[in-house]
Amino acid sequence: MRTEDVVVAVQGIPVAHTIALMEVLISHPREVSMQVRHLDGSIETFSYIPQKDMEGNNLYGFSISRPIETVAGLSIGDAIIGAFGKLFTSIADTVRLIPSLFTRDGGLGESVAGPLRISYVIGEMRNAGIRTMLHLLAMVSISLAIANLLPIPGLDGGAILLSLIEGLSGRRVSPKWYVRFQTAGMAFLLFIMLFVLSADIRYFLSGPH
């Protein structure tokens, strides 16, 4: 291998990032068949048997370069202003994408993720740096906040909707109607939870990408 070579496949399995590469190497520890793309664009395939250290761990004999991103520092004021700007942009983008979840192109099962897939994605991003990790966690928090404000019974948005109804009608909602409203909402939320969990399970059964 040469400096600046790019690994494109291992054991005939395409790899798009470092984590996928290491997963394949761990799964096939005896003999490795690797396909690399050189700087001039040519593709070369070779095989080798990894050596082992004193503890029996594989020594693959190469290292992976990590790109370093340099971000210019900002004053506290500029950082706060920039953070709020990105926050509002993220909120607007999330709200704009909600209708697409219910279209054929959006694909609800592919667009939403439950705790299983979210945990997996966070784990996959563990080596991407603190900046990327914090951005991902912020996007998850924004999505949860917006979902909680949807006018669905059982969520804060449902409580806001009831308050608006009472304010516009000038009278309180009857306890009987309120119970029915909340029960329907909880049933709907339970259905969504089961749907999201089943989507997560299908995602892992088909192989994470």
Protein backbone atom coordinates (compact mmCIF):
# COMPACT_ATOMS: atom_id res chain seq x y z
CA MET A 1 0.00 0.00 0.00
CA ARG A 2 1.06 3.58 -0.60
CA THR A 3 0.46 6.83 1.18
CA GLU A 4 -2.91 8.37 0.23
CA ASP A 5 -4.30 5.02 -0.97
CA VAL A 6 -8.05 4.68 -0.41
CA VAL A 7 -9.50 1.32 0.67
CA VAL A 8 -12.63 0.68 -1.40
CA ALA A 9 -13.39 -2.96 -0.50
CA VAL A 10 -12.28 -5.68 1.90
CA GLN A 11 -13.14 -9.36 1.39
CA GLY A 12 -15.20 -8.18 -1.60
CA ILE A 13 -17.35 -5.98 0.66
CA PRO A 14 -17.38 -2.25 -0.24
CA VAL A 15 -16.36 0.01 2.64
CA ALA A 16 -17.27 3.70 2.71
CA HIS A 17 -15.69 4.75 6.01
CA THR A 18 -13.20 3.68 8.67
CA ILE A 19 -15.75 1.99 10.93
CA ALA A 20 -17.01 -0.24 8.12
CA LEU A 21 -13.41 -1.13 7.26
CA MET A 22 -12.59 -2.17 10.82
CA GLU A 23 -15.81 -4.18 11.15
CA VAL A 24 -14.91 -6.23 8.08
CA LEU A 25 -11.32 -6.73 9.27
CA ILE A 26 -12.51 -7.95 12.66
CA SER A 27 -14.96 -10.33 11.01
CA HIS A 28 -12.25 -11.84 8.74
CA PRO A 29 -9.08 -12.02 10.82
CA ARG A 30 -7.21 -14.89 9.13
CA GLU A 31 -6.56 -13.75 5.57
CA VAL A 32 -7.42 -10.31 4.21
CA SER A 33 -8.25 -9.52 0.58
CA MET A 34 -8.15 -5.76 0.11
CA GLN A 35 -8.95 -3.56 -2.88
CA VAL A 36 -7.41 -0.07 -2.86
CA ARG A 37 -7.57 2.92 -5.17
CA HIS A 38 -4.22 4.66 -5.74
CA LEU A 39 -3.74 8.39 -6.11
CA ASP A 40 -3.60 8.05 -9.92
CA GLY A 41 -7.04 6.40 -9.92
CA SER A 42 -5.87 2.85 -10.60
CA ILE A 43 -7.35 -0.03 -8.59
CA GLU A 44 -5.22 -2.80 -7.11
CA THR A 45 -6.25 -5.91 -5.21
CA PHE A 46 -3.93 -7.83 -2.90
CA SER A 47 -4.15 -10.40 -0.12
CA TYR A 48 -2.13 -10.84 3.04
CA ILE A 49 -2.21 -12.67 6.38
CA PRO A 50 -2.11 -10.31 9.36
CA GLN A 51 0.54 -10.93 11.97
CA LYS A 52 -0.36 -11.16 15.64
CA ASP A 53 1.03 -9.47 18.74
CA MET A 54 1.95 -11.10 22.05
CA GLU A 55 -1.71 -11.13 23.13
CA GLY A 56 -2.98 -12.68 19.90
CA ASN A 57 -4.46 -9.49 18.46
CA ASN A 58 -4.15 -8.89 14.72
CA LEU A 59 -1.53 -6.43 13.44
CA TYR A 60 -2.76 -5.13 10.10
CA GLY A 61 0.42 -3.26 9.27
CA PHE A 62 -1.09 0.03 8.11
CA SER A 63 -2.51 3.18 9.67
CA ILE A 64 -5.44 5.36 8.63
CA SER A 65 -5.04 9.11 8.27
CA ARG A 66 -7.62 11.30 9.95
CA PRO A 67 -8.54 14.63 8.32
CA ILE A 68 -8.09 17.57 10.68
CA GLU A 69 -10.58 20.43 10.46
CA THR A 70 -9.46 23.78 11.80
CA VAL A 71 -12.25 26.08 12.94
CA ALA A 72 -11.53 29.74 13.59
CA GLY A 73 -12.35 30.89 17.11
CA LEU A 74 -15.22 33.29 17.76
CA SER A 75 -15.93 35.75 20.48
CA ILE A 76 -18.63 34.81 23.00
CA GLY A 77 -21.10 37.22 21.44
CA ASP A 78 -20.53 36.00 17.89
CA ALA A 79 -20.70 32.39 19.06
CA ILE A 80 -24.08 32.96 20.76
CA ILE A 81 -25.48 34.80 17.75
CA GLY A 82 -24.22 32.08 15.38
CA ALA A 83 -25.65 29.34 17.63
CA PHE A 84 -29.11 30.93 17.65
CA GLY A 85 -28.94 31.39 13.87
CA LYS A 86 -28.17 27.69 13.34
CA LEU A 87 -30.84 26.76 15.88
CA PHE A 88 -33.59 28.61 14.01
CA THR A 89 -32.34 27.25 10.69
CA SER A 90 -32.42 23.69 12.03
CA ILE A 91 -35.92 24.19 13.45
CA ALA A 92 -37.18 25.56 10.12
CA ASP A 93 -35.59 22.69 8.18
CA THR A 94 -37.10 20.10 10.55
CA VAL A 95 -40.58 21.60 10.33
CA ARG A 96 -40.33 21.82 6.55
CA LEU A 97 -39.44 18.11 6.33
CA ILE A 98 -42.40 16.89 8.41
CA PRO A 99 -44.91 16.81 5.48
CA SER A 100 -42.47 14.77 3.40
CA LEU A 101 -42.66 11.95 5.96
CA PHE A 102 -46.17 11.15 4.75
CA THR A 103 -45.40 11.17 1.04
CA ARG A 104 -44.20 8.28 -1.06
CA ASP A 105 -40.83 9.97 -1.63
CA GLY A 106 -40.28 10.64 2.07
CA GLY A 107 -40.76 7.08 3.24
CA LEU A 108 -41.88 7.20 6.87
CA GLY A 109 -40.17 3.94 7.75
CA GLU A 110 -36.86 5.16 6.36
CA SER A 111 -37.09 8.75 7.63
CA VAL A 112 -37.90 8.17 11.30
CA ALA A 113 -35.63 6.48 13.81
CA GLY A 114 -36.28 5.03 17.23
CA PRO A 115 -33.96 4.60 20.22
CA LEU A 116 -32.22 1.58 18.68
CA ARG A 117 -31.20 3.34 15.48
CA ILE A 118 -30.40 6.63 17.24
CA SER A 119 -28.07 4.80 19.64
CA TYR A 120 -26.42 3.03 16.71
CA VAL A 121 -25.88 6.29 14.80
CA ILE A 122 -24.41 7.97 17.88
CA GLY A 123 -22.08 5.01 18.32
CA GLU A 124 -21.04 5.21 14.66
CA MET A 125 -20.18 8.89 15.13
CA ARG A 126 -18.03 8.33 18.21
CA ASN A 127 -14.81 8.83 16.23
CA ALA A 128 -16.03 11.80 14.21
CA GLY A 129 -15.05 14.39 16.81
CA ILE A 130 -16.79 16.30 19.55
CA ARG A 131 -18.08 18.95 17.13
CA THR A 132 -19.94 16.41 15.00
CA MET A 133 -21.21 14.56 18.08
CA LEU A 134 -22.62 17.73 19.67
CA HIS A 135 -24.27 18.71 16.37
CA LEU A 136 -25.92 15.29 16.13
CA LEU A 137 -27.18 15.46 19.73
CA ALA A 138 -28.51 18.97 19.11
CA MET A 139 -30.44 17.79 16.02
CA VAL A 140 -31.94 14.90 18.02
CA SER A 141 -33.00 17.33 20.77
CA ILE A 142 -34.56 19.74 18.25
CA SER A 143 -36.47 16.91 16.56
CA LEU A 144 -37.82 15.66 19.90
CA ALA A 145 -38.85 19.18 20.94
CA ILE A 146 -40.73 19.76 17.67
CA ALA A 147 -42.39 16.34 17.85
CA ASN A 148 -43.52 17.11 21.41
CA LEU A 149 -45.24 20.29 20.18
CA LEU A 150 -47.29 18.51 17.53
CA PRO A 151 -51.06 18.78 18.24
CA ILE A 152 -51.35 15.16 19.29
CA PRO A 153 -53.17 14.13 22.49
CA GLY A 154 -50.75 12.98 25.16
CA LEU A 155 -48.05 15.43 24.07
CA ASP A 156 -47.53 19.04 25.12
CA GLY A 157 -48.87 20.07 21.73
CA GLY A 158 -52.13 18.26 22.52
CA ALA A 159 -52.41 20.15 25.83
CA ILE A 160 -51.84 23.43 23.97
CA LEU A 161 -54.54 22.46 21.47
CA LEU A 162 -57.01 21.78 24.29
CA SER A 163 -56.19 25.14 25.87
CA LEU A 164 -56.82 26.89 22.56
CA ILE A 165 -60.15 25.09 22.15
CA GLU A 166 -61.20 26.10 25.65
CA GLY A 167 -60.05 29.68 25.08
CA LEU A 168 -61.91 30.05 21.78
CA SER A 169 -65.09 28.35 22.97
CA GLY A 170 -65.14 30.13 26.34
CA ARG A 171 -65.88 26.96 28.30
CA ARG A 172 -63.95 24.05 29.72
CA VAL A 173 -63.76 20.71 27.96
CA SER A 174 -65.89 18.09 29.70
CA PRO A 175 -63.95 15.42 31.65
CA LYS A 176 -65.57 12.67 29.57
CA TRP A 177 -64.44 14.24 26.28
CA TYR A 178 -61.00 14.96 27.75
CA VAL A 179 -60.51 11.29 28.71
CA ARG A 180 -61.54 10.16 25.23
CA PHE A 181 -59.18 12.72 23.69
CA GLN A 182 -56.23 11.56 25.79
CA THR A 183 -57.02 7.86 25.29
CA ALA A 184 -57.07 8.26 21.51
CA GLY A 185 -53.80 10.14 21.69
CA MET A 186 -52.07 7.51 23.82
CA ALA A 187 -53.27 4.77 21.47
CA PHE A 188 -51.87 6.72 18.52
CA LEU A 189 -48.54 7.26 20.31
CA LEU A 190 -48.34 3.55 21.16
CA PHE A 191 -48.90 2.73 17.49
CA ILE A 192 -46.13 5.16 16.48
CA MET A 193 -43.75 3.63 19.05
CA LEU A 194 -44.38 0.12 17.74
CA PHE A 195 -44.01 1.32 14.14
CA VAL A 196 -40.69 3.03 14.86
CA LEU A 197 -39.32 0.03 16.77
CA SER A 198 -40.32 -2.31 13.93
CA ALA A 199 -38.62 0.06 11.46
CA ASP A 200 -35.46 -0.07 13.60
CA ILE A 201 -35.56 -3.87 13.67
CA ARG A 202 -36.03 -4.05 9.88
CA TYR A 203 -33.11 -1.64 9.47
CA PHE A 204 -30.75 -3.87 11.46
CA LEU A 205 -32.01 -7.09 9.87
CA SER A 206 -31.35 -5.65 6.42
CA GLY A 207 -27.87 -4.57 7.52
CA PRO A 208 -26.99 -1.03 8.79
CA HIS A 209 -25.63 1.32 6.12
